[in-house]
Amino acid sequence: MSAVTDTARVAPAANPVSQSLRDSMVVAQRNLIRMSRIPEMIIYGLIQPIMFVVLFTYVFGGSMQIGSSTSATDYKNFLMAGIFAQTVTFATASSGAGIADDMHKGLIDRFRSLPMARGAVLTGRTFADLVQTALTLIVLAVVAVLVGWRVGSDGSTNAGKVLAAFGLLLLLGYAFTWIGALIGMSVRTPEAATSSGLIWLFPVTFISNAFVDTSHMTPWLRHIAEWNPFSATVQACRVLFANPGQSTSAAWPMQHPVWASLIYSVLIIVVFRTLAVRKYRSATA
């Protein structure tokens, strides 16, 4: 808190964008320091995605049909893009809970009393959550390699495409943290933020192409899954990783998944950042 107070005593920058960025970085630093002092937050955040990797790989591998193949190896490579995407989106719940906790303790009101850029508190929080998500994604990628996940070895991918896939994952995760920010500002307790954050995440992640081939779904459900923003990022990652399960659907997001993923994520950030900052201005503990 002292870092924020010291920054607030400095005369506001002439450039509002520069001031907003500076204030956001200070708040992000505050949250990263807090995370480093509570390592169990990071440890528990890693356990769930690792469990998903192991359970889905060894329990469902060999029983799922991807295209015309029931190979456990094909399903393993098909699965990982979905697990990566699910991991970055589930960070939404912890983001919302953290903001709700700050609200509950009156910390948001203290921030609001300082001469800071109005969106800096929430932007700083989402930046800090993005760093934590990136660390989780790195560990998860290592675990995926250990259980046998591989990117395409036929020359159809390269390091640049693999990094681009992880970039799209982080962008999606960052977009969803703004949904979490809005939820955190709208509820009264961290417990409510966690519950409300997970309620809508489960249908978003499971009515998708993350764990099953959408061609096996009923037509109406398949259309929902193929136009799901989450599915676009999963499909984009499979294309960039050159993993099996690349859709032959005529739906535009499945035909142009990289562009669809970018557009969806940017739209979510613009809409929900606007709503979250507006809520921040009027919310009370």
C-alpha atoms as a PDB file:
ATOM      1  CA  MET A   1       0.000   0.000   0.000  1.00  0.00           C
ATOM      2  CA  SER A   2       2.911   2.340   0.708  1.00  0.00           C
ATOM      3  CA  ALA A   3       4.096   2.037  -2.889  1.00  0.00           C
ATOM      4  CA  VAL A   4       0.707   3.204  -4.092  1.00  0.00           C
ATOM      5  CA  THR A   5       0.646   6.081  -1.602  1.00  0.00           C
ATOM      6  CA  ASP A   6       4.150   7.223  -2.564  1.00  0.00           C
ATOM      7  CA  THR A   7       3.192   7.196  -6.217  1.00  0.00           C
ATOM      8  CA  ALA A   8       0.041   9.149  -5.518  1.00  0.00           C
ATOM      9  CA  ARG A   9       2.077  11.950  -3.905  1.00  0.00           C
ATOM     10  CA  VAL A  10       3.916  12.541  -7.141  1.00  0.00           C
ATOM     11  CA  ALA A  11       2.411  15.232  -9.344  1.00  0.00           C
ATOM     12  CA  PRO A  12       0.169  13.718 -12.027  1.00  0.00           C
ATOM     13  CA  ALA A  13       1.879  13.139 -15.335  1.00  0.00           C
ATOM     14  CA  ALA A  14       1.007  15.496 -18.155  1.00  0.00           C
ATOM     15  CA  ASN A  15       0.170  12.524 -20.346  1.00  0.00           C
ATOM     16  CA  PRO A  16      -2.888  10.678 -18.899  1.00  0.00           C
ATOM     17  CA  VAL A  17      -1.921   7.462 -20.707  1.00  0.00           C
ATOM     18  CA  SER A  18       1.516   7.551 -19.084  1.00  0.00           C
ATOM     19  CA  GLN A  19      -0.017   8.182 -15.670  1.00  0.00           C
ATOM     20  CA  SER A  20      -2.529   5.376 -16.108  1.00  0.00           C
ATOM     21  CA  LEU A  21       0.214   2.936 -17.122  1.00  0.00           C
ATOM     22  CA  ARG A  22       2.431   3.997 -14.220  1.00  0.00           C
ATOM     23  CA  ASP A  23      -0.392   3.640 -11.681  1.00  0.00           C
ATOM     24  CA  SER A  24      -1.393   0.278 -13.138  1.00  0.00           C
ATOM     25  CA  MET A  25       2.156  -1.035 -12.817  1.00  0.00           C
ATOM     26  CA  VAL A  26       2.316   0.051  -9.180  1.00  0.00           C
ATOM     27  CA  VAL A  27      -0.931  -1.779  -8.392  1.00  0.00           C
ATOM     28  CA  ALA A  28       0.287  -4.821 -10.346  1.00  0.00           C
ATOM     29  CA  GLN A  29       3.507  -4.808  -8.304  1.00  0.00           C
ATOM     30  CA  ARG A  30       1.465  -4.669  -5.098  1.00  0.00           C
ATOM     31  CA  ASN A  31      -0.544  -7.720  -6.163  1.00  0.00           C
ATOM     32  CA  LEU A  32       2.509  -9.688  -7.314  1.00  0.00           C
ATOM     33  CA  ILE A  33       4.245  -9.040  -3.989  1.00  0.00           C
ATOM     34  CA  ARG A  34       1.127 -10.250  -2.202  1.00  0.00           C
ATOM     35  CA  MET A  35       1.048 -13.409  -4.336  1.00  0.00           C
ATOM     36  CA  SER A  36       4.728 -14.113  -3.631  1.00  0.00           C
ATOM     37  CA  ARG A  37       4.035 -13.930   0.105  1.00  0.00           C
ATOM     38  CA  ILE A  38       1.186 -16.445  -0.201  1.00  0.00           C
ATOM     39  CA  PRO A  39       2.779 -19.194  -2.359  1.00  0.00           C
ATOM     40  CA  GLU A  40      -0.115 -21.583  -1.736  1.00  0.00           C
ATOM     41  CA  MET A  41      -2.190 -19.381  -4.062  1.00  0.00           C
ATOM     42  CA  ILE A  42       0.098 -20.373  -6.923  1.00  0.00           C
ATOM     43  CA  ILE A  43       0.545 -23.984  -5.809  1.00  0.00           C
ATOM     44  CA  TYR A  44      -3.182 -24.696  -5.549  1.00  0.00           C
ATOM     45  CA  GLY A  45      -3.713 -22.926  -8.856  1.00  0.00           C
ATOM     46  CA  LEU A  46      -1.370 -25.467 -10.466  1.00  0.00           C
ATOM     47  CA  ILE A  47      -2.889 -28.591  -8.955  1.00  0.00           C
ATOM     48  CA  GLN A  48      -6.239 -28.492 -10.784  1.00  0.00           C
ATOM     49  CA  PRO A  49      -4.904 -28.163 -14.364  1.00  0.00           C
ATOM     50  CA  ILE A  50      -2.267 -30.821 -13.712  1.00  0.00           C
ATOM     51  CA  MET A  51      -5.007 -33.149 -12.454  1.00  0.00           C
ATOM     52  CA  PHE A  52      -7.049 -32.455 -15.601  1.00  0.00           C
ATOM     53  CA  VAL A  53      -4.063 -33.300 -17.806  1.00  0.00           C
ATOM     54  CA  VAL A  54      -3.362 -36.588 -16.036  1.00  0.00           C
ATOM     55  CA  LEU A  55      -6.984 -37.680 -15.609  1.00  0.00           C
ATOM     56  CA  PHE A  56      -8.186 -36.849 -19.122  1.00  0.00           C
ATOM     57  CA  THR A  57      -5.053 -38.306 -20.701  1.00  0.00           C
ATOM     58  CA  TYR A  58      -5.094 -41.668 -18.932  1.00  0.00           C
ATOM     59  CA  VAL A  59      -8.809 -42.099 -18.176  1.00  0.00           C
ATOM     60  CA  PHE A  60     -10.331 -40.967 -21.479  1.00  0.00           C
ATOM     61  CA  GLY A  61      -7.387 -41.559 -23.805  1.00  0.00           C
ATOM     62  CA  GLY A  62      -8.205 -44.406 -26.183  1.00  0.00           C
ATOM     63  CA  SER A  63     -11.972 -44.176 -25.619  1.00  0.00           C
ATOM     64  CA  MET A  64     -12.500 -40.856 -27.422  1.00  0.00           C
ATOM     65  CA  GLN A  65     -12.832 -40.697 -31.203  1.00  0.00           C
ATOM     66  CA  ILE A  66     -10.989 -37.858 -32.943  1.00  0.00           C
ATOM     67  CA  GLY A  67     -11.972 -37.905 -36.593  1.00  0.00           C
ATOM     68  CA  SER A  68     -11.752 -41.590 -37.422  1.00  0.00           C
ATOM     69  CA  SER A  69      -9.046 -42.339 -34.857  1.00  0.00           C
ATOM     70  CA  THR A  70      -9.383 -43.679 -31.317  1.00  0.00           C
ATOM     71  CA  SER A  71      -5.636 -43.560 -30.704  1.00  0.00           C
ATOM     72  CA  ALA A  72      -4.693 -42.542 -27.164  1.00  0.00           C
ATOM     73  CA  THR A  73      -1.782 -40.554 -28.574  1.00  0.00           C
ATOM     74  CA  ASP A  74      -4.041 -38.623 -30.969  1.00  0.00           C
ATOM     75  CA  TYR A  75      -6.442 -37.789 -28.156  1.00  0.00           C
ATOM     76  CA  LYS A  76      -3.569 -36.689 -25.947  1.00  0.00           C
ATOM     77  CA  ASN A  77      -2.369 -34.227 -28.583  1.00  0.00           C
ATOM     78  CA  PHE A  78      -5.959 -33.165 -29.305  1.00  0.00           C
ATOM     79  CA  LEU A  79      -6.670 -32.577 -25.615  1.00  0.00           C
ATOM     80  CA  MET A  80      -3.818 -30.277 -24.622  1.00  0.00           C
ATOM     81  CA  ALA A  81      -5.002 -27.149 -26.446  1.00  0.00           C
ATOM     82  CA  GLY A  82      -8.324 -27.498 -24.614  1.00  0.00           C
ATOM     83  CA  ILE A  83      -6.630 -27.977 -21.224  1.00  0.00           C
ATOM     84  CA  PHE A  84      -4.391 -24.945 -21.823  1.00  0.00           C
ATOM     85  CA  ALA A  85      -7.402 -22.791 -22.737  1.00  0.00           C
ATOM     86  CA  GLN A  86      -9.445 -24.042 -19.797  1.00  0.00           C
ATOM     87  CA  THR A  87      -6.593 -23.226 -17.414  1.00  0.00           C
ATOM     88  CA  VAL A  88      -6.252 -19.605 -18.547  1.00  0.00           C
ATOM     89  CA  THR A  89     -10.018 -19.027 -18.402  1.00  0.00           C
ATOM     90  CA  PHE A  90     -10.432 -20.571 -14.947  1.00  0.00           C
ATOM     91  CA  ALA A  91      -8.123 -17.832 -13.650  1.00  0.00           C
ATOM     92  CA  THR A  92     -11.228 -15.649 -13.969  1.00  0.00           C
ATOM     93  CA  ALA A  93     -12.650 -17.040 -10.722  1.00  0.00           C
ATOM     94  CA  SER A  94      -9.564 -16.204  -8.651  1.00  0.00           C
ATOM     95  CA  SER A  95      -9.380 -12.747 -10.218  1.00  0.00           C
ATOM     96  CA  GLY A  96     -12.977 -12.006  -9.283  1.00  0.00           C
ATOM     97  CA  ALA A  97     -12.482 -13.387  -5.778  1.00  0.00           C
ATOM     98  CA  GLY A  98      -9.381 -11.220  -5.257  1.00  0.00           C
ATOM     99  CA  ILE A  99     -11.166  -8.042  -6.291  1.00  0.00           C
ATOM    100  CA  ALA A 100     -14.222  -8.946  -4.187  1.00  0.00           C
ATOM    101  CA  ASP A 101     -11.902  -9.492  -1.213  1.00  0.00           C
ATOM    102  CA  ASP A 102     -10.368  -6.037  -1.690  1.00  0.00           C
ATOM    103  CA  MET A 103     -13.875  -4.594  -1.881  1.00  0.00           C
ATOM    104  CA  HIS A 104     -14.984  -6.455   1.240  1.00  0.00           C
ATOM    105  CA  LYS A 105     -11.992  -5.150   3.213  1.00  0.00           C
ATOM    106  CA  GLY A 106     -12.537  -1.566   2.051  1.00  0.00           C
ATOM    107  CA  LEU A 107      -9.261  -1.462   0.145  1.00  0.00           C
ATOM    108  CA  ILE A 108     -10.956  -0.397  -3.089  1.00  0.00           C
ATOM    109  CA  ASP A 109     -12.425   2.629  -1.303  1.00  0.00           C
ATOM    110  CA  ARG A 110      -8.933   3.591  -0.115  1.00  0.00           C
ATOM    111  CA  PHE A 111      -7.574   3.304  -3.641  1.00  0.00           C
ATOM    112  CA  ARG A 112     -10.432   5.378  -4.966  1.00  0.00           C
ATOM    113  CA  SER A 113      -9.600   8.191  -2.526  1.00  0.00           C
ATOM    114  CA  LEU A 114      -6.112   8.542  -4.048  1.00  0.00           C
ATOM    115  CA  PRO A 115      -5.303  10.696  -7.112  1.00  0.00           C
ATOM    116  CA  MET A 116      -4.917   7.684  -9.401  1.00  0.00           C
ATOM    117  CA  ALA A 117      -6.102   6.913 -12.901  1.00  0.00           C
ATOM    118  CA  ARG A 118      -9.602   5.535 -12.460  1.00  0.00           C
ATOM    119  CA  GLY A 119      -8.937   2.257 -14.229  1.00  0.00           C
ATOM    120  CA  ALA A 120      -5.484   1.650 -12.757  1.00  0.00           C
ATOM    121  CA  VAL A 121      -6.613  -0.505  -9.828  1.00  0.00           C
ATOM    122  CA  LEU A 122      -8.429  -3.006 -12.001  1.00  0.00           C
ATOM    123  CA  THR A 123      -5.837  -2.886 -14.793  1.00  0.00           C
ATOM    124  CA  GLY A 124      -3.047  -3.513 -12.298  1.00  0.00           C
ATOM    125  CA  ARG A 125      -4.933  -6.440 -10.837  1.00  0.00           C
ATOM    126  CA  THR A 126      -5.529  -8.004 -14.264  1.00  0.00           C
ATOM    127  CA  PHE A 127      -1.838  -7.515 -15.187  1.00  0.00           C
ATOM    128  CA  ALA A 128      -0.789  -9.348 -12.023  1.00  0.00           C
ATOM    129  CA  ASP A 129      -3.233 -12.164 -12.763  1.00  0.00           C
ATOM    130  CA  LEU A 130      -1.813 -12.377 -16.293  1.00  0.00           C
ATOM    131  CA  VAL A 131       1.688 -12.928 -14.885  1.00  0.00           C
ATOM    132  CA  GLN A 132       0.390 -15.695 -12.614  1.00  0.00           C
ATOM    133  CA  THR A 133      -1.470 -17.276 -15.534  1.00  0.00           C
ATOM    134  CA  ALA A 134       1.696 -17.220 -17.657  1.00  0.00           C
ATOM    135  CA  LEU A 135       3.652 -19.009 -14.929  1.00  0.00           C
ATOM    136  CA  THR A 136       0.899 -21.615 -14.594  1.00  0.00           C
ATOM    137  CA  LEU A 137       0.855 -22.125 -18.366  1.00  0.00           C
ATOM    138  CA  ILE A 138       4.624 -22.708 -18.457  1.00  0.00           C
ATOM    139  CA  VAL A 139       4.413 -25.389 -15.752  1.00  0.00           C
ATOM    140  CA  LEU A 140       1.417 -26.973 -17.454  1.00  0.00           C
ATOM    141  CA  ALA A 141       3.233 -27.108 -20.798  1.00  0.00           C
ATOM    142  CA  VAL A 142       6.129 -28.934 -19.128  1.00  0.00           C
ATOM    143  CA  VAL A 143       3.720 -31.454 -17.577  1.00  0.00           C
ATOM    144  CA  ALA A 144       2.024 -31.917 -20.963  1.00  0.00           C
ATOM    145  CA  VAL A 145       5.364 -32.724 -22.594  1.00  0.00           C
ATOM    146  CA  LEU A 146       6.141 -35.196 -19.789  1.00  0.00           C
ATOM    147  CA  VAL A 147       2.903 -37.115 -20.410  1.00  0.00           C
ATOM    148  CA  GLY A 148       3.608 -37.265 -24.145  1.00  0.00           C
ATOM    149  CA  TRP A 149       2.129 -34.163 -25.773  1.00  0.00           C
ATOM    150  CA  ARG A 150       4.005 -33.058 -28.882  1.00  0.00           C
ATOM    151  CA  VAL A 151       3.533 -30.316 -31.450  1.00  0.00           C
ATOM    152  CA  GLY A 152       3.434 -31.382 -35.108  1.00  0.00           C
ATOM    153  CA  SER A 153       6.670 -32.925 -36.303  1.00  0.00           C
ATOM    154  CA  ASP A 154       5.771 -32.850 -40.012  1.00  0.00           C
ATOM    155  CA  GLY A 155       7.200 -29.387 -40.596  1.00  0.00           C
ATOM    156  CA  SER A 156       3.782 -27.676 -40.545  1.00  0.00           C
ATOM    157  CA  THR A 157       4.612 -25.720 -37.391  1.00  0.00           C
ATOM    158  CA  ASN A 158       7.601 -23.935 -35.900  1.00  0.00           C
ATOM    159  CA  ALA A 159       8.688 -22.096 -32.773  1.00  0.00           C
ATOM    160  CA  GLY A 160       7.039 -18.865 -33.930  1.00  0.00           C
ATOM    161  CA  LYS A 161       3.662 -20.543 -34.372  1.00  0.00           C
ATOM    162  CA  VAL A 162       3.936 -22.294 -31.007  1.00  0.00           C
ATOM    163  CA  LEU A 163       4.702 -18.989 -29.272  1.00  0.00           C
ATOM    164  CA  ALA A 164       1.819 -17.362 -31.150  1.00  0.00           C
ATOM    165  CA  ALA A 165      -0.510 -20.069 -29.831  1.00  0.00           C
ATOM    166  CA  PHE A 166       0.560 -19.403 -26.256  1.00  0.00           C
ATOM    167  CA  GLY A 167       0.149 -15.679 -26.938  1.00  0.00           C
ATOM    168  CA  LEU A 168      -3.468 -16.261 -27.995  1.00  0.00           C
ATOM    169  CA  LEU A 169      -4.035 -18.295 -24.841  1.00  0.00           C
ATOM    170  CA  LEU A 170      -2.715 -15.498 -22.646  1.00  0.00           C
ATOM    171  CA  LEU A 171      -4.808 -12.934 -24.520  1.00  0.00           C
ATOM    172  CA  LEU A 172      -7.921 -15.029 -23.943  1.00  0.00           C
ATOM    173  CA  GLY A 173      -7.012 -15.416 -20.277  1.00  0.00           C
ATOM    174  CA  TYR A 174      -6.497 -11.660 -19.940  1.00  0.00           C
ATOM    175  CA  ALA A 175      -9.850 -10.997 -21.621  1.00  0.00           C
ATOM    176  CA  PHE A 176     -11.639 -13.327 -19.225  1.00  0.00           C
ATOM    177  CA  THR A 177     -10.019 -11.713 -16.165  1.00  0.00           C
ATOM    178  CA  TRP A 178     -11.951  -8.558 -17.074  1.00  0.00           C
ATOM    179  CA  ILE A 179     -15.150 -10.590 -16.811  1.00  0.00           C
ATOM    180  CA  GLY A 180     -13.884 -11.711 -13.420  1.00  0.00           C
ATOM    181  CA  ALA A 181     -13.147  -8.091 -12.493  1.00  0.00           C
ATOM    182  CA  LEU A 182     -16.725  -7.089 -13.265  1.00  0.00           C
ATOM    183  CA  ILE A 183     -18.067 -10.013 -11.237  1.00  0.00           C
ATOM    184  CA  GLY A 184     -15.759  -9.148  -8.332  1.00  0.00           C
ATOM    185  CA  MET A 185     -17.017  -5.566  -8.320  1.00  0.00           C
ATOM    186  CA  SER A 186     -20.656  -6.695  -8.466  1.00  0.00           C
ATOM    187  CA  VAL A 187     -20.868  -9.175  -5.567  1.00  0.00           C
ATOM    188  CA  ARG A 188     -20.487  -8.702  -1.829  1.00  0.00           C
ATOM    189  CA  THR A 189     -18.119 -11.495  -0.796  1.00  0.00           C
ATOM    190  CA  PRO A 190     -15.132 -13.405  -2.254  1.00  0.00           C
ATOM    191  CA  GLU A 191     -17.093 -16.658  -1.867  1.00  0.00           C
ATOM    192  CA  ALA A 192     -19.887 -15.302  -4.040  1.00  0.00           C
ATOM    193  CA  ALA A 193     -17.340 -14.150  -6.627  1.00  0.00           C
ATOM    194  CA  THR A 194     -15.790 -17.622  -6.799  1.00  0.00           C
ATOM    195  CA  SER A 195     -19.156 -19.375  -7.123  1.00  0.00           C
ATOM    196  CA  SER A 196     -20.572 -16.976  -9.707  1.00  0.00           C
ATOM    197  CA  GLY A 197     -17.306 -17.105 -11.642  1.00  0.00           C
ATOM    198  CA  LEU A 198     -17.361 -20.896 -11.960  1.00  0.00           C
ATOM    199  CA  ILE A 199     -21.085 -21.244 -12.738  1.00  0.00           C
ATOM    200  CA  TRP A 200     -20.784 -19.768 -16.236  1.00  0.00           C
ATOM    201  CA  LEU A 201     -17.242 -21.025 -16.897  1.00  0.00           C
ATOM    202  CA  PHE A 202     -18.234 -24.681 -16.922  1.00  0.00           C
ATOM    203  CA  PRO A 203     -20.742 -24.433 -19.811  1.00  0.00           C
ATOM    204  CA  VAL A 204     -18.395 -22.126 -21.736  1.00  0.00           C
ATOM    205  CA  THR A 205     -15.494 -24.571 -21.502  1.00  0.00           C
ATOM    206  CA  PHE A 206     -17.421 -27.832 -21.868  1.00  0.00           C
ATOM    207  CA  ILE A 207     -19.851 -26.785 -24.632  1.00  0.00           C
ATOM    208  CA  SER A 208     -16.868 -26.388 -26.910  1.00  0.00           C
ATOM    209  CA  ASN A 209     -14.296 -28.320 -28.893  1.00  0.00           C
ATOM    210  CA  ALA A 210     -11.909 -28.531 -25.930  1.00  0.00           C
ATOM    211  CA  PHE A 211     -12.462 -32.158 -24.945  1.00  0.00           C
ATOM    212  CA  VAL A 212     -14.529 -33.727 -27.717  1.00  0.00           C
ATOM    213  CA  ASP A 213     -14.869 -33.481 -31.476  1.00  0.00           C
ATOM    214  CA  THR A 214     -17.867 -31.194 -32.114  1.00  0.00           C
ATOM    215  CA  SER A 215     -18.872 -33.268 -35.159  1.00  0.00           C
ATOM    216  CA  HIS A 216     -20.304 -35.836 -32.721  1.00  0.00           C
ATOM    217  CA  MET A 217     -22.620 -33.267 -31.084  1.00  0.00           C
ATOM    218  CA  THR A 218     -26.272 -32.717 -31.995  1.00  0.00           C
ATOM    219  CA  PRO A 219     -26.574 -29.965 -34.680  1.00  0.00           C
ATOM    220  CA  TRP A 220     -27.927 -27.175 -32.440  1.00  0.00           C
ATOM    221  CA  LEU A 221     -25.294 -27.808 -29.765  1.00  0.00           C
ATOM    222  CA  ARG A 222     -22.538 -28.056 -32.383  1.00  0.00           C
ATOM    223  CA  HIS A 223     -23.407 -24.571 -33.700  1.00  0.00           C
ATOM    224  CA  ILE A 224     -23.161 -23.128 -30.191  1.00  0.00           C
ATOM    225  CA  ALA A 225     -19.816 -24.844 -29.620  1.00  0.00           C
ATOM    226  CA  GLU A 226     -18.370 -23.712 -32.960  1.00  0.00           C
ATOM    227  CA  TRP A 227     -19.271 -20.047 -32.367  1.00  0.00           C
ATOM    228  CA  ASN A 228     -18.057 -20.133 -28.768  1.00  0.00           C
ATOM    229  CA  PRO A 229     -15.094 -17.679 -28.325  1.00  0.00           C
ATOM    230  CA  PHE A 230     -13.387 -20.332 -26.215  1.00  0.00           C
ATOM    231  CA  SER A 231     -13.599 -22.832 -29.096  1.00  0.00           C
ATOM    232  CA  ALA A 232     -11.985 -20.348 -31.489  1.00  0.00           C
ATOM    233  CA  THR A 233      -8.866 -20.103 -29.325  1.00  0.00           C
ATOM    234  CA  VAL A 234      -8.702 -23.872 -28.858  1.00  0.00           C
ATOM    235  CA  GLN A 235      -8.994 -24.396 -32.614  1.00  0.00           C
ATOM    236  CA  ALA A 236      -6.373 -21.709 -33.304  1.00  0.00           C
ATOM    237  CA  CYS A 237      -3.950 -23.454 -30.942  1.00  0.00           C
ATOM    238  CA  ARG A 238      -4.491 -26.817 -32.616  1.00  0.00           C
ATOM    239  CA  VAL A 239      -3.774 -25.235 -35.994  1.00  0.00           C
ATOM    240  CA  LEU A 240      -0.635 -23.499 -34.725  1.00  0.00           C
ATOM    241  CA  PHE A 241       0.543 -26.559 -32.789  1.00  0.00           C
ATOM    242  CA  ALA A 242      -0.303 -28.782 -35.800  1.00  0.00           C
ATOM    243  CA  ASN A 243      -2.177 -31.130 -33.466  1.00  0.00           C
ATOM    244  CA  PRO A 244      -5.018 -33.438 -34.541  1.00  0.00           C
ATOM    245  CA  GLY A 245      -8.663 -32.393 -34.368  1.00  0.00           C
ATOM    246  CA  GLN A 246      -8.587 -29.396 -36.697  1.00  0.00           C
ATOM    247  CA  SER A 247     -12.223 -28.782 -37.595  1.00  0.00           C
ATOM    248  CA  THR A 248     -13.653 -29.097 -41.097  1.00  0.00           C
ATOM    249  CA  SER A 249     -16.762 -27.136 -40.080  1.00  0.00           C
ATOM    250  CA  ALA A 250     -17.986 -24.350 -42.361  1.00  0.00           C
ATOM    251  CA  ALA A 251     -18.520 -22.017 -39.365  1.00  0.00           C
ATOM    252  CA  TRP A 252     -16.395 -18.867 -39.803  1.00  0.00           C
ATOM    253  CA  PRO A 253     -14.590 -19.120 -36.425  1.00  0.00           C
ATOM    254  CA  MET A 254     -13.530 -22.675 -37.263  1.00  0.00           C
ATOM    255  CA  GLN A 255     -12.348 -21.701 -40.750  1.00  0.00           C
ATOM    256  CA  HIS A 256     -10.411 -18.649 -39.497  1.00  0.00           C
ATOM    257  CA  PRO A 257      -9.657 -19.534 -35.870  1.00  0.00           C
ATOM    258  CA  VAL A 258      -6.627 -17.279 -35.358  1.00  0.00           C
ATOM    259  CA  TRP A 259      -8.463 -14.166 -36.505  1.00  0.00           C
ATOM    260  CA  ALA A 260     -11.616 -15.233 -34.645  1.00  0.00           C
ATOM    261  CA  SER A 261      -9.626 -15.731 -31.437  1.00  0.00           C
ATOM    262  CA  LEU A 262      -8.039 -12.282 -31.729  1.00  0.00           C
ATOM    263  CA  ILE A 263     -11.333 -10.550 -32.501  1.00  0.00           C
ATOM    264  CA  TYR A 264     -13.250 -12.296 -29.732  1.00  0.00           C
ATOM    265  CA  SER A 265     -10.575 -11.570 -27.112  1.00  0.00           C
ATOM    266  CA  VAL A 266     -10.215  -7.896 -28.040  1.00  0.00           C
ATOM    267  CA  LEU A 267     -13.996  -7.417 -28.020  1.00  0.00           C
ATOM    268  CA  ILE A 268     -14.294  -9.037 -24.587  1.00  0.00           C
ATOM    269  CA  ILE A 269     -11.535  -6.786 -23.215  1.00  0.00           C
ATOM    270  CA  VAL A 270     -13.099  -3.601 -24.634  1.00  0.00           C
ATOM    271  CA  VAL A 271     -16.634  -4.405 -23.447  1.00  0.00           C
ATOM    272  CA  PHE A 272     -15.885  -5.790 -20.003  1.00  0.00           C
ATOM    273  CA  ARG A 273     -13.106  -3.343 -19.166  1.00  0.00           C
ATOM    274  CA  THR A 274     -15.528  -0.508 -19.890  1.00  0.00           C
ATOM    275  CA  LEU A 275     -18.222  -2.091 -17.699  1.00  0.00           C
ATOM    276  CA  ALA A 276     -15.790  -2.976 -14.891  1.00  0.00           C
ATOM    277  CA  VAL A 277     -14.261   0.527 -14.717  1.00  0.00           C
ATOM    278  CA  ARG A 278     -17.740   2.073 -14.723  1.00  0.00           C
ATOM    279  CA  LYS A 279     -18.728  -0.256 -11.879  1.00  0.00           C
ATOM    280  CA  TYR A 280     -15.526   0.631 -10.016  1.00  0.00           C
ATOM    281  CA  ARG A 281     -16.493   4.302 -10.005  1.00  0.00           C
ATOM    282  CA  SER A 282     -19.817   3.644  -8.293  1.00  0.00           C
ATOM    283  CA  ALA A 283     -19.316   0.461  -6.235  1.00  0.00           C
ATOM    284  CA  THR A 284     -19.094   0.641  -2.443  1.00  0.00           C
ATOM    285  CA  ALA A 285     -17.777  -1.882   0.045  1.00  0.00           C
END
